[in-house]
Amino acid sequence: MELLKAVLFGIVEGVTEWLPISSTGHLILLNEFITLNVSDEFRSMFDVVIQLGAILEEILAPEQYDTNVATIPGSTQRVEYAIRMPGVDGNSVWLPIDSKFPGDTYAHLQDAQASGDAQAVENARHALELVLRSEAKDIREKYVEPPYTTAFGILFLPFEGLYAEAQQPANGLQDPCHPEALRRGVAAAGGGQDRVR
């Protein structure tokens, strides 16, 4: 039954992408009527993956990206999405994109900000920084290996507030063209509306 509900959510996301209003808003409304009986962690991951897939489908032709890609020959590690980029001698290389949502850590930061406790905000920001750095390292180690891939991968963060936190200088996940991001091997990319709970 949950599989059918998930398919319905995917259909709603795809159809509402054609409308000049928020597809994420439609998913929120649909969830009020048809609730997926899954853990909060799974639900957050589901929303992230469906949103990233919709974005790639909107901006790229089907032959320009793929899903569940082993970006490194012989590897059993598969990244959620990868974009085909032009390589040397007419070959292509993969640009790996992995979506992450450190929901609990981000929620703690939001709670700390709402409380107005400066020390709690600092502690929560530091915890989020550690999680983001760990996720970036995971992407770099599993999916980035020139000449089969670009020299960096993308860490997709689905919410604007989370993306803004990743852009803080201490986190080192700047714009993909920023020299520091290229040196570290991972850059952050942000998604749509802020919604955690």
N, C-alpha and C. Protein backbone atom coordinates (compact mmCIF):
# COMPACT_ATOMS: atom_id res chain seq x y z
N MET A 1 0.82 -1.20 0.00
CA MET A 1 0.00 0.00 0.00
C MET A 1 0.87 1.27 0.00
N GLU A 2 1.97 1.25 0.77
CA GLU A 2 2.84 2.42 0.84
C GLU A 2 3.49 2.67 -0.53
N LEU A 3 3.77 1.61 -1.28
CA LEU A 3 4.36 1.78 -2.61
C LEU A 3 3.40 2.55 -3.52
N LEU A 4 2.12 2.21 -3.46
CA LEU A 4 1.13 2.92 -4.28
C LEU A 4 1.03 4.39 -3.87
N LYS A 5 1.11 4.65 -2.57
CA LYS A 5 1.09 6.03 -2.10
C LYS A 5 2.32 6.78 -2.62
N ALA A 6 3.48 6.13 -2.58
CA ALA A 6 4.71 6.76 -3.07
C ALA A 6 4.60 7.07 -4.55
N VAL A 7 4.02 6.16 -5.32
CA VAL A 7 3.81 6.40 -6.75
C VAL A 7 2.90 7.61 -6.95
N LEU A 8 1.84 7.71 -6.15
CA LEU A 8 0.92 8.85 -6.24
C LEU A 8 1.66 10.16 -5.94
N PHE A 9 2.52 10.16 -4.94
CA PHE A 9 3.30 11.36 -4.62
C PHE A 9 4.19 11.72 -5.80
N GLY A 10 4.80 10.73 -6.44
CA GLY A 10 5.65 10.99 -7.61
C GLY A 10 4.85 11.57 -8.77
N ILE A 11 3.64 11.06 -8.98
CA ILE A 11 2.79 11.58 -10.05
C ILE A 11 2.41 13.03 -9.77
N VAL A 12 2.03 13.31 -8.53
CA VAL A 12 1.66 14.69 -8.16
C VAL A 12 2.85 15.62 -8.36
N GLU A 13 4.04 15.21 -7.94
CA GLU A 13 5.24 16.04 -8.13
C GLU A 13 5.46 16.31 -9.61
N GLY A 14 5.36 15.28 -10.44
CA GLY A 14 5.60 15.44 -11.88
C GLY A 14 4.57 16.32 -12.55
N VAL A 15 3.29 16.11 -12.24
CA VAL A 15 2.22 16.89 -12.87
C VAL A 15 2.28 18.35 -12.42
N THR A 16 2.50 18.59 -11.14
CA THR A 16 2.47 19.96 -10.65
C THR A 16 3.72 20.75 -11.02
N GLU A 17 4.76 20.10 -11.51
CA GLU A 17 5.92 20.84 -12.01
C GLU A 17 5.53 21.70 -13.21
N TRP A 18 4.47 21.34 -13.91
CA TRP A 18 4.02 22.08 -15.08
C TRP A 18 3.22 23.32 -14.70
N LEU A 19 2.77 23.40 -13.45
CA LEU A 19 1.95 24.52 -13.01
C LEU A 19 2.83 25.63 -12.45
N PRO A 20 2.38 26.89 -12.58
CA PRO A 20 3.20 27.99 -12.08
C PRO A 20 3.06 28.22 -10.57
N ILE A 21 2.89 27.13 -9.83
CA ILE A 21 2.81 27.20 -8.37
C ILE A 21 3.66 26.07 -7.79
N SER A 22 3.88 26.11 -6.52
CA SER A 22 4.82 25.20 -5.88
C SER A 22 4.37 23.74 -5.91
N SER A 23 5.19 22.88 -6.52
CA SER A 23 4.91 21.45 -6.48
C SER A 23 5.13 20.92 -5.08
N THR A 24 6.07 21.53 -4.34
CA THR A 24 6.30 21.11 -2.95
C THR A 24 5.05 21.36 -2.12
N GLY A 25 4.39 22.48 -2.37
CA GLY A 25 3.14 22.78 -1.68
C GLY A 25 2.08 21.72 -1.94
N HIS A 26 2.01 21.24 -3.17
CA HIS A 26 1.06 20.18 -3.49
C HIS A 26 1.38 18.90 -2.72
N LEU A 27 2.66 18.60 -2.59
CA LEU A 27 3.04 17.40 -1.83
C LEU A 27 2.66 17.54 -0.36
N ILE A 28 2.81 18.74 0.19
CA ILE A 28 2.42 18.97 1.58
C ILE A 28 0.92 18.75 1.73
N LEU A 29 0.14 19.32 0.81
CA LEU A 29 -1.32 19.14 0.87
C LEU A 29 -1.71 17.68 0.70
N LEU A 30 -1.10 16.98 -0.25
CA LEU A 30 -1.41 15.57 -0.46
C LEU A 30 -1.12 14.76 0.79
N ASN A 31 -0.05 15.10 1.48
CA ASN A 31 0.31 14.39 2.70
C ASN A 31 -0.74 14.58 3.80
N GLU A 32 -1.47 15.68 3.76
CA GLU A 32 -2.54 15.89 4.74
C GLU A 32 -3.69 14.91 4.52
N PHE A 33 -3.89 14.48 3.29
CA PHE A 33 -5.00 13.57 2.97
C PHE A 33 -4.57 12.11 2.89
N ILE A 34 -3.39 11.89 2.35
CA ILE A 34 -2.87 10.53 2.19
C ILE A 34 -1.48 10.50 2.83
N THR A 35 -1.41 10.02 4.03
CA THR A 35 -0.15 10.02 4.77
C THR A 35 0.64 8.76 4.48
N LEU A 36 1.92 8.94 4.15
CA LEU A 36 2.82 7.79 4.02
C LEU A 36 3.15 7.31 5.43
N ASN A 37 2.92 6.06 5.71
CA ASN A 37 3.22 5.49 7.03
C ASN A 37 4.65 4.99 7.06
N VAL A 38 5.57 5.97 7.11
CA VAL A 38 7.00 5.68 7.13
C VAL A 38 7.64 6.54 8.21
N SER A 39 8.88 6.24 8.53
CA SER A 39 9.59 7.02 9.54
C SER A 39 9.82 8.45 9.03
N ASP A 40 10.03 9.38 9.95
CA ASP A 40 10.31 10.76 9.57
C ASP A 40 11.57 10.84 8.72
N GLU A 41 12.58 10.04 9.08
CA GLU A 41 13.83 10.03 8.33
C GLU A 41 13.61 9.59 6.89
N PHE A 42 12.82 8.51 6.70
CA PHE A 42 12.53 8.04 5.35
C PHE A 42 11.73 9.08 4.58
N ARG A 43 10.77 9.70 5.24
CA ARG A 43 9.92 10.70 4.58
C ARG A 43 10.77 11.87 4.10
N SER A 44 11.69 12.33 4.93
CA SER A 44 12.57 13.43 4.53
C SER A 44 13.41 13.04 3.33
N MET A 45 13.97 11.83 3.36
CA MET A 45 14.79 11.34 2.25
C MET A 45 13.93 11.24 0.98
N PHE A 46 12.71 10.75 1.11
CA PHE A 46 11.79 10.60 -0.02
C PHE A 46 11.53 11.96 -0.67
N ASP A 47 11.24 12.97 0.16
CA ASP A 47 10.99 14.32 -0.36
C ASP A 47 12.20 14.87 -1.10
N VAL A 48 13.39 14.65 -0.56
CA VAL A 48 14.62 15.14 -1.17
C VAL A 48 14.83 14.50 -2.53
N VAL A 49 14.73 13.20 -2.59
CA VAL A 49 15.00 12.47 -3.84
C VAL A 49 13.98 12.85 -4.91
N ILE A 50 12.72 12.94 -4.53
CA ILE A 50 11.70 13.27 -5.53
C ILE A 50 11.88 14.70 -6.03
N GLN A 51 12.31 15.61 -5.15
CA GLN A 51 12.54 17.00 -5.55
C GLN A 51 13.75 17.11 -6.47
N LEU A 52 14.85 16.46 -6.13
CA LEU A 52 16.05 16.51 -6.96
C LEU A 52 15.77 15.89 -8.33
N GLY A 53 15.08 14.76 -8.35
CA GLY A 53 14.74 14.14 -9.63
C GLY A 53 13.92 15.06 -10.51
N ALA A 54 12.96 15.77 -9.92
CA ALA A 54 12.12 16.69 -10.68
C ALA A 54 12.95 17.85 -11.24
N ILE A 55 13.88 18.36 -10.44
CA ILE A 55 14.73 19.46 -10.90
C ILE A 55 15.57 19.01 -12.10
N LEU A 56 16.21 17.86 -11.98
CA LEU A 56 17.05 17.37 -13.09
C LEU A 56 16.21 17.11 -14.34
N GLU A 57 15.04 16.56 -14.15
CA GLU A 57 14.16 16.28 -15.29
C GLU A 57 13.74 17.56 -16.00
N GLU A 58 13.59 18.64 -15.25
CA GLU A 58 13.19 19.92 -15.83
C GLU A 58 14.31 20.57 -16.63
N ILE A 59 15.55 20.43 -16.19
CA ILE A 59 16.62 21.21 -16.81
C ILE A 59 17.51 20.42 -17.77
N LEU A 60 17.43 19.08 -17.72
CA LEU A 60 18.30 18.27 -18.56
C LEU A 60 17.50 17.31 -19.43
N ALA A 61 18.08 16.98 -20.57
CA ALA A 61 17.50 15.93 -21.42
C ALA A 61 17.82 14.58 -20.79
N PRO A 62 16.99 13.57 -21.02
CA PRO A 62 17.22 12.26 -20.39
C PRO A 62 18.61 11.68 -20.62
N GLU A 63 19.20 11.94 -21.76
CA GLU A 63 20.53 11.37 -22.04
C GLU A 63 21.65 12.14 -21.35
N GLN A 64 21.32 13.27 -20.70
CA GLN A 64 22.34 14.08 -20.04
C GLN A 64 22.58 13.70 -18.59
N TYR A 65 21.75 12.81 -18.04
CA TYR A 65 21.95 12.38 -16.65
C TYR A 65 21.43 10.95 -16.50
N ASP A 66 21.78 10.35 -15.37
CA ASP A 66 21.31 8.99 -15.09
C ASP A 66 21.11 8.86 -13.58
N THR A 67 20.44 7.80 -13.18
CA THR A 67 20.17 7.55 -11.77
C THR A 67 20.90 6.29 -11.31
N ASN A 68 21.21 6.24 -10.02
CA ASN A 68 21.89 5.08 -9.42
C ASN A 68 23.11 4.66 -10.23
N VAL A 69 24.05 5.58 -10.34
CA VAL A 69 25.22 5.41 -11.20
C VAL A 69 26.44 5.00 -10.38
N ALA A 70 27.15 4.00 -10.86
CA ALA A 70 28.47 3.67 -10.33
C ALA A 70 29.44 4.56 -11.11
N THR A 71 29.83 5.68 -10.52
CA THR A 71 30.64 6.68 -11.24
C THR A 71 32.08 6.24 -11.43
N ILE A 72 32.51 5.28 -10.63
CA ILE A 72 33.88 4.77 -10.71
C ILE A 72 33.82 3.32 -11.21
N PRO A 73 34.49 3.01 -12.33
CA PRO A 73 34.44 1.65 -12.87
C PRO A 73 34.84 0.62 -11.81
N GLY A 74 34.05 -0.45 -11.71
CA GLY A 74 34.32 -1.53 -10.78
C GLY A 74 33.81 -1.29 -9.37
N SER A 75 33.30 -0.09 -9.10
CA SER A 75 32.81 0.23 -7.76
C SER A 75 31.39 -0.31 -7.56
N THR A 76 31.09 -0.70 -6.34
CA THR A 76 29.71 -1.11 -6.00
C THR A 76 28.92 0.07 -5.43
N GLN A 77 29.60 1.19 -5.20
CA GLN A 77 28.93 2.38 -4.67
C GLN A 77 28.17 3.08 -5.79
N ARG A 78 26.92 3.41 -5.52
CA ARG A 78 26.09 4.08 -6.52
C ARG A 78 25.57 5.40 -5.98
N VAL A 79 25.75 6.45 -6.76
CA VAL A 79 25.26 7.77 -6.40
C VAL A 79 23.84 7.92 -6.95
N GLU A 80 23.01 8.69 -6.26
CA GLU A 80 21.61 8.83 -6.66
C GLU A 80 21.46 9.37 -8.09
N TYR A 81 22.20 10.43 -8.40
CA TYR A 81 22.13 11.04 -9.72
C TYR A 81 23.54 11.41 -10.17
N ALA A 82 23.74 11.39 -11.49
CA ALA A 82 25.01 11.85 -12.05
C ALA A 82 24.73 12.47 -13.42
N ILE A 83 25.38 13.59 -13.65
CA ILE A 83 25.23 14.30 -14.93
C ILE A 83 26.40 13.94 -15.82
N ARG A 84 26.11 13.64 -17.09
CA ARG A 84 27.16 13.37 -18.07
C ARG A 84 27.75 14.72 -18.51
N MET A 85 29.05 14.84 -18.37
CA MET A 85 29.75 16.06 -18.77
C MET A 85 30.75 15.72 -19.87
N PRO A 86 31.03 16.68 -20.75
CA PRO A 86 32.02 16.41 -21.78
C PRO A 86 33.40 16.18 -21.18
N GLY A 87 34.08 15.17 -21.68
CA GLY A 87 35.41 14.85 -21.20
C GLY A 87 36.43 14.99 -22.31
N VAL A 88 37.58 14.40 -22.10
CA VAL A 88 38.68 14.46 -23.05
C VAL A 88 38.42 13.48 -24.20
N ASP A 89 38.82 13.84 -25.39
CA ASP A 89 38.74 12.99 -26.58
C ASP A 89 37.33 12.48 -26.86
N GLY A 90 36.33 13.32 -26.61
CA GLY A 90 34.95 12.95 -26.93
C GLY A 90 34.30 12.03 -25.93
N ASN A 91 35.03 11.57 -24.92
CA ASN A 91 34.43 10.75 -23.88
C ASN A 91 33.67 11.65 -22.91
N SER A 92 32.87 11.03 -22.06
CA SER A 92 32.17 11.81 -21.06
C SER A 92 32.65 11.40 -19.66
N VAL A 93 32.45 12.29 -18.71
CA VAL A 93 32.74 12.03 -17.31
C VAL A 93 31.47 12.30 -16.53
N TRP A 94 31.38 11.75 -15.34
CA TRP A 94 30.20 11.94 -14.50
C TRP A 94 30.42 13.07 -13.50
N LEU A 95 29.39 13.86 -13.28
CA LEU A 95 29.34 14.81 -12.17
C LEU A 95 28.36 14.22 -11.16
N PRO A 96 28.87 13.61 -10.07
CA PRO A 96 27.98 12.96 -9.11
C PRO A 96 27.20 13.97 -8.26
N ILE A 97 25.91 13.68 -8.04
CA ILE A 97 25.05 14.51 -7.19
C ILE A 97 24.38 13.59 -6.19
N ASP A 98 24.63 13.85 -4.93
CA ASP A 98 24.04 13.04 -3.86
C ASP A 98 23.23 13.96 -2.96
N SER A 99 21.98 13.63 -2.73
CA SER A 99 21.14 14.46 -1.88
C SER A 99 21.24 14.00 -0.43
N LYS A 100 21.35 14.98 0.44
CA LYS A 100 21.48 14.71 1.88
C LYS A 100 20.53 15.62 2.63
N PHE A 101 20.01 15.11 3.73
CA PHE A 101 19.16 15.93 4.57
C PHE A 101 19.41 15.59 6.03
N PRO A 102 20.33 16.33 6.66
CA PRO A 102 20.56 16.10 8.09
C PRO A 102 19.43 16.72 8.91
N GLY A 103 18.25 16.11 8.84
CA GLY A 103 17.03 16.66 9.41
C GLY A 103 17.09 16.97 10.88
N ASP A 104 17.52 16.02 11.69
CA ASP A 104 17.56 16.25 13.14
C ASP A 104 18.53 17.36 13.49
N THR A 105 19.69 17.37 12.86
CA THR A 105 20.70 18.38 13.17
C THR A 105 20.20 19.77 12.77
N TYR A 106 19.57 19.86 11.62
CA TYR A 106 19.03 21.14 11.16
C TYR A 106 17.88 21.59 12.05
N ALA A 107 17.03 20.66 12.47
CA ALA A 107 15.92 20.99 13.37
C ALA A 107 16.44 21.52 14.71
N HIS A 108 17.52 20.94 15.21
CA HIS A 108 18.13 21.43 16.46
C HIS A 108 18.61 22.87 16.29
N LEU A 109 19.18 23.17 15.13
CA LEU A 109 19.63 24.54 14.87
C LEU A 109 18.43 25.49 14.84
N GLN A 110 17.37 25.09 14.17
CA GLN A 110 16.18 25.94 14.12
C GLN A 110 15.61 26.17 15.52
N ASP A 111 15.58 25.13 16.32
CA ASP A 111 15.09 25.26 17.70
C ASP A 111 15.97 26.21 18.50
N ALA A 112 17.28 26.08 18.33
CA ALA A 112 18.22 26.96 19.04
C ALA A 112 18.02 28.41 18.61
N GLN A 113 17.83 28.63 17.32
CA GLN A 113 17.62 29.99 16.83
C GLN A 113 16.32 30.57 17.39
N ALA A 114 15.28 29.74 17.46
CA ALA A 114 14.00 30.19 18.00
C ALA A 114 14.10 30.53 19.49
N SER A 115 14.97 29.83 20.21
CA SER A 115 15.11 30.07 21.65
C SER A 115 15.87 31.35 21.95
N GLY A 116 16.67 31.82 20.98
CA GLY A 116 17.46 33.02 21.20
C GLY A 116 18.71 32.80 22.02
N ASP A 117 19.03 31.56 22.31
CA ASP A 117 20.20 31.21 23.11
C ASP A 117 21.43 31.15 22.19
N ALA A 118 22.29 32.17 22.30
CA ALA A 118 23.45 32.29 21.40
C ALA A 118 24.38 31.08 21.49
N GLN A 119 24.60 30.56 22.69
CA GLN A 119 25.49 29.41 22.84
C GLN A 119 24.88 28.16 22.20
N ALA A 120 23.57 27.99 22.36
CA ALA A 120 22.90 26.84 21.74
C ALA A 120 22.96 26.94 20.22
N VAL A 121 22.83 28.16 19.68
CA VAL A 121 22.93 28.36 18.24
C VAL A 121 24.33 28.00 17.76
N GLU A 122 25.33 28.47 18.48
CA GLU A 122 26.71 28.17 18.11
C GLU A 122 26.98 26.67 18.15
N ASN A 123 26.51 26.00 19.19
CA ASN A 123 26.70 24.54 19.31
C ASN A 123 25.97 23.80 18.18
N ALA A 124 24.75 24.22 17.87
CA ALA A 124 23.97 23.56 16.82
C ALA A 124 24.61 23.80 15.45
N ARG A 125 25.12 25.01 15.23
CA ARG A 125 25.80 25.30 13.96
C ARG A 125 27.05 24.43 13.81
N HIS A 126 27.77 24.28 14.90
CA HIS A 126 28.98 23.45 14.86
C HIS A 126 28.61 21.99 14.56
N ALA A 127 27.55 21.49 15.19
CA ALA A 127 27.10 20.11 14.93
C ALA A 127 26.69 19.95 13.47
N LEU A 128 25.99 20.94 12.92
CA LEU A 128 25.59 20.88 11.51
C LEU A 128 26.82 20.92 10.61
N GLU A 129 27.78 21.75 10.94
CA GLU A 129 29.03 21.82 10.17
C GLU A 129 29.71 20.45 10.12
N LEU A 130 29.78 19.78 11.26
CA LEU A 130 30.41 18.45 11.30
C LEU A 130 29.67 17.45 10.43
N VAL A 131 28.34 17.48 10.48
CA VAL A 131 27.54 16.56 9.66
C VAL A 131 27.75 16.86 8.17
N LEU A 132 27.71 18.14 7.80
CA LEU A 132 27.89 18.51 6.39
C LEU A 132 29.28 18.12 5.88
N ARG A 133 30.30 18.35 6.70
CA ARG A 133 31.65 17.96 6.29
C ARG A 133 31.76 16.44 6.13
N SER A 134 31.12 15.70 7.02
CA SER A 134 31.13 14.24 6.93
C SER A 134 30.43 13.76 5.66
N GLU A 135 29.29 14.37 5.36
CA GLU A 135 28.55 13.99 4.14
C GLU A 135 29.37 14.33 2.90
N ALA A 136 30.02 15.49 2.90
CA ALA A 136 30.86 15.89 1.77
C ALA A 136 32.02 14.92 1.58
N LYS A 137 32.65 14.54 2.67
CA LYS A 137 33.76 13.58 2.61
C LYS A 137 33.27 12.24 2.06
N ASP A 138 32.10 11.81 2.48
CA ASP A 138 31.51 10.57 2.01
C ASP A 138 31.30 10.61 0.49
N ILE A 139 30.79 11.71 -0.01
CA ILE A 139 30.58 11.86 -1.46
C ILE A 139 31.91 11.82 -2.19
N ARG A 140 32.87 12.58 -1.69
CA ARG A 140 34.19 12.64 -2.34
C ARG A 140 34.84 11.26 -2.40
N GLU A 141 34.78 10.52 -1.28
CA GLU A 141 35.46 9.22 -1.23
C GLU A 141 34.73 8.15 -2.04
N LYS A 142 33.43 8.19 -2.10
CA LYS A 142 32.67 7.14 -2.78
C LYS A 142 32.49 7.37 -4.28
N TYR A 143 32.37 8.65 -4.69
CA TYR A 143 31.89 8.91 -6.05
C TYR A 143 32.80 9.78 -6.92
N VAL A 144 33.85 10.36 -6.37
CA VAL A 144 34.69 11.28 -7.15
C VAL A 144 36.05 10.63 -7.41
N GLU A 145 36.34 10.43 -8.70
CA GLU A 145 37.65 9.89 -9.09
C GLU A 145 37.94 10.25 -10.54
N PRO A 146 38.60 11.43 -10.74
CA PRO A 146 39.01 11.76 -12.10
C PRO A 146 39.96 10.68 -12.62
N PRO A 147 39.94 10.31 -13.83
CA PRO A 147 39.30 10.93 -14.98
C PRO A 147 37.89 10.40 -15.27
N TYR A 148 37.36 9.55 -14.41
CA TYR A 148 36.02 9.01 -14.66
C TYR A 148 34.93 9.98 -14.27
N THR A 149 35.27 10.90 -13.35
CA THR A 149 34.32 11.90 -12.86
C THR A 149 34.95 13.28 -12.96
N THR A 150 34.13 14.28 -12.70
CA THR A 150 34.66 15.62 -12.54
C THR A 150 35.53 15.62 -11.28
N ALA A 151 36.24 16.71 -11.04
CA ALA A 151 37.13 16.77 -9.88
C ALA A 151 36.36 17.03 -8.58
N PHE A 152 35.06 17.21 -8.67
CA PHE A 152 34.24 17.44 -7.48
C PHE A 152 32.85 16.86 -7.70
N GLY A 153 32.13 16.64 -6.61
CA GLY A 153 30.75 16.20 -6.65
C GLY A 153 29.86 17.27 -6.04
N ILE A 154 28.56 17.06 -6.15
CA ILE A 154 27.58 18.02 -5.62
C ILE A 154 26.84 17.38 -4.44
N LEU A 155 26.78 18.11 -3.35
CA LEU A 155 25.98 17.74 -2.18
C LEU A 155 24.70 18.56 -2.27
N PHE A 156 23.59 17.90 -2.63
CA PHE A 156 22.32 18.60 -2.80
C PHE A 156 21.61 18.70 -1.46
N LEU A 157 21.29 19.92 -1.07
CA LEU A 157 20.58 20.19 0.18
C LEU A 157 19.21 20.76 -0.20
N PRO A 158 18.12 20.11 0.22
CA PRO A 158 16.81 20.42 -0.34
C PRO A 158 16.15 21.70 0.13
N PHE A 159 16.58 22.30 1.22
CA PHE A 159 15.88 23.45 1.76
C PHE A 159 16.79 24.68 1.77
N GLU A 160 16.19 25.83 1.49
CA GLU A 160 16.96 27.07 1.38
C GLU A 160 17.74 27.39 2.65
N GLY A 161 17.13 27.22 3.80
CA GLY A 161 17.80 27.54 5.05
C GLY A 161 19.00 26.64 5.30
N LEU A 162 18.84 25.37 5.00
CA LEU A 162 19.93 24.41 5.15
C LEU A 162 21.06 24.75 4.18
N TYR A 163 20.70 25.08 2.95
CA TYR A 163 21.69 25.48 1.96
C TYR A 163 22.43 26.74 2.42
N ALA A 164 21.68 27.71 2.97
CA ALA A 164 22.31 28.94 3.45
C ALA A 164 23.31 28.64 4.57
N GLU A 165 22.97 27.71 5.45
CA GLU A 165 23.91 27.33 6.51
C GLU A 165 25.16 26.69 5.92
N ALA A 166 25.00 25.90 4.88
CA ALA A 166 26.15 25.25 4.23
C ALA A 166 27.06 26.28 3.58
N GLN A 167 26.51 27.42 3.21
CA GLN A 167 27.29 28.46 2.54
C GLN A 167 28.11 29.30 3.52
N GLN A 168 27.93 29.07 4.81
CA GLN A 168 28.73 29.79 5.80
C GLN A 168 30.20 29.46 5.55
N PRO A 169 31.08 30.43 5.61
CA PRO A 169 32.50 30.21 5.28
C PRO A 169 33.15 29.05 6.03
N ALA A 170 32.74 28.80 7.26
CA ALA A 170 33.36 27.73 8.04
C ALA A 170 33.08 26.35 7.45
N ASN A 171 31.94 26.20 6.77
CA ASN A 171 31.56 24.89 6.26
C ASN A 171 32.30 24.49 5.00
N GLY A 172 32.80 25.45 4.24
CA GLY A 172 33.62 25.14 3.08
C GLY A 172 32.90 24.47 1.93
N LEU A 173 31.57 24.61 1.86
CA LEU A 173 30.82 24.00 0.76
C LEU A 173 30.26 25.09 -0.14
N GLN A 174 31.14 25.99 -0.59
CA GLN A 174 30.70 27.13 -1.35
C GLN A 174 30.20 26.74 -2.73
N ASP A 175 29.90 27.77 -3.48
CA ASP A 175 29.47 27.67 -4.86
C ASP A 175 30.41 26.72 -5.62
N PRO A 176 29.86 25.90 -6.53
CA PRO A 176 30.70 24.92 -7.24
C PRO A 176 31.91 25.52 -7.95
N CYS A 177 31.84 26.78 -8.35
CA CYS A 177 32.96 27.39 -9.05
C CYS A 177 33.97 28.02 -8.10
N HIS A 178 33.67 28.03 -6.84
CA HIS A 178 34.57 28.62 -5.85
C HIS A 178 35.81 27.74 -5.72
N PRO A 179 37.00 28.31 -5.74
CA PRO A 179 38.24 27.51 -5.67
C PRO A 179 38.30 26.59 -4.44
N GLU A 180 37.77 27.04 -3.31
CA GLU A 180 37.81 26.20 -2.10
C GLU A 180 36.96 24.95 -2.28
N ALA A 181 35.80 25.08 -2.93
CA ALA A 181 34.95 23.92 -3.18
C ALA A 181 35.66 22.93 -4.09
N LEU A 182 36.32 23.43 -5.11
CA LEU A 182 37.03 22.54 -6.03
C LEU A 182 38.19 21.85 -5.32
N ARG A 183 38.87 22.56 -4.44
CA ARG A 183 39.98 21.97 -3.71
C ARG A 183 39.49 20.86 -2.78
N ARG A 184 38.36 21.08 -2.12
CA ARG A 184 37.82 20.09 -1.19
C ARG A 184 37.15 18.92 -1.90
N GLY A 185 36.75 19.11 -3.14
CA GLY A 185 36.16 18.01 -3.90
C GLY A 185 34.65 17.89 -3.80
N VAL A 186 33.96 18.81 -3.10
CA VAL A 186 32.51 18.77 -3.01
C VAL A 186 31.99 20.19 -2.90
N ALA A 187 30.91 20.48 -3.62
CA ALA A 187 30.24 21.78 -3.52
C ALA A 187 28.78 21.54 -3.17
N ALA A 188 28.14 22.51 -2.56
CA ALA A 188 26.74 22.38 -2.17
C ALA A 188 25.85 23.01 -3.21
N ALA A 189 24.68 22.45 -3.37
CA ALA A 189 23.63 23.02 -4.21
C ALA A 189 22.34 22.95 -3.42
N GLY A 190 21.53 23.98 -3.54
CA GLY A 190 20.32 24.06 -2.72
C GLY A 190 19.06 23.83 -3.50
N GLY A 191 18.02 23.48 -2.74
CA GLY A 191 16.72 23.21 -3.32
C GLY A 191 15.71 24.28 -2.99
N GLY A 192 14.48 23.85 -2.84
CA GLY A 192 13.35 24.75 -2.73
C GLY A 192 13.04 25.22 -1.34
N GLN A 193 11.75 25.28 -1.07
CA GLN A 193 11.23 25.91 0.14
C GLN A 193 11.72 25.23 1.41
N ASP A 194 11.83 26.04 2.45
CA ASP A 194 12.24 25.53 3.76
C ASP A 194 11.06 24.85 4.44
N ARG A 195 11.22 23.58 4.73
CA ARG A 195 10.19 22.84 5.48
C ARG A 195 10.88 21.66 6.12
N VAL A 196 10.82 21.59 7.43
CA VAL A 196 11.44 20.47 8.12
C VAL A 196 10.39 19.58 8.73
N ARG A 197 9.41 20.16 9.37
CA ARG A 197 8.45 19.35 10.12
C ARG A 197 7.12 19.31 9.46
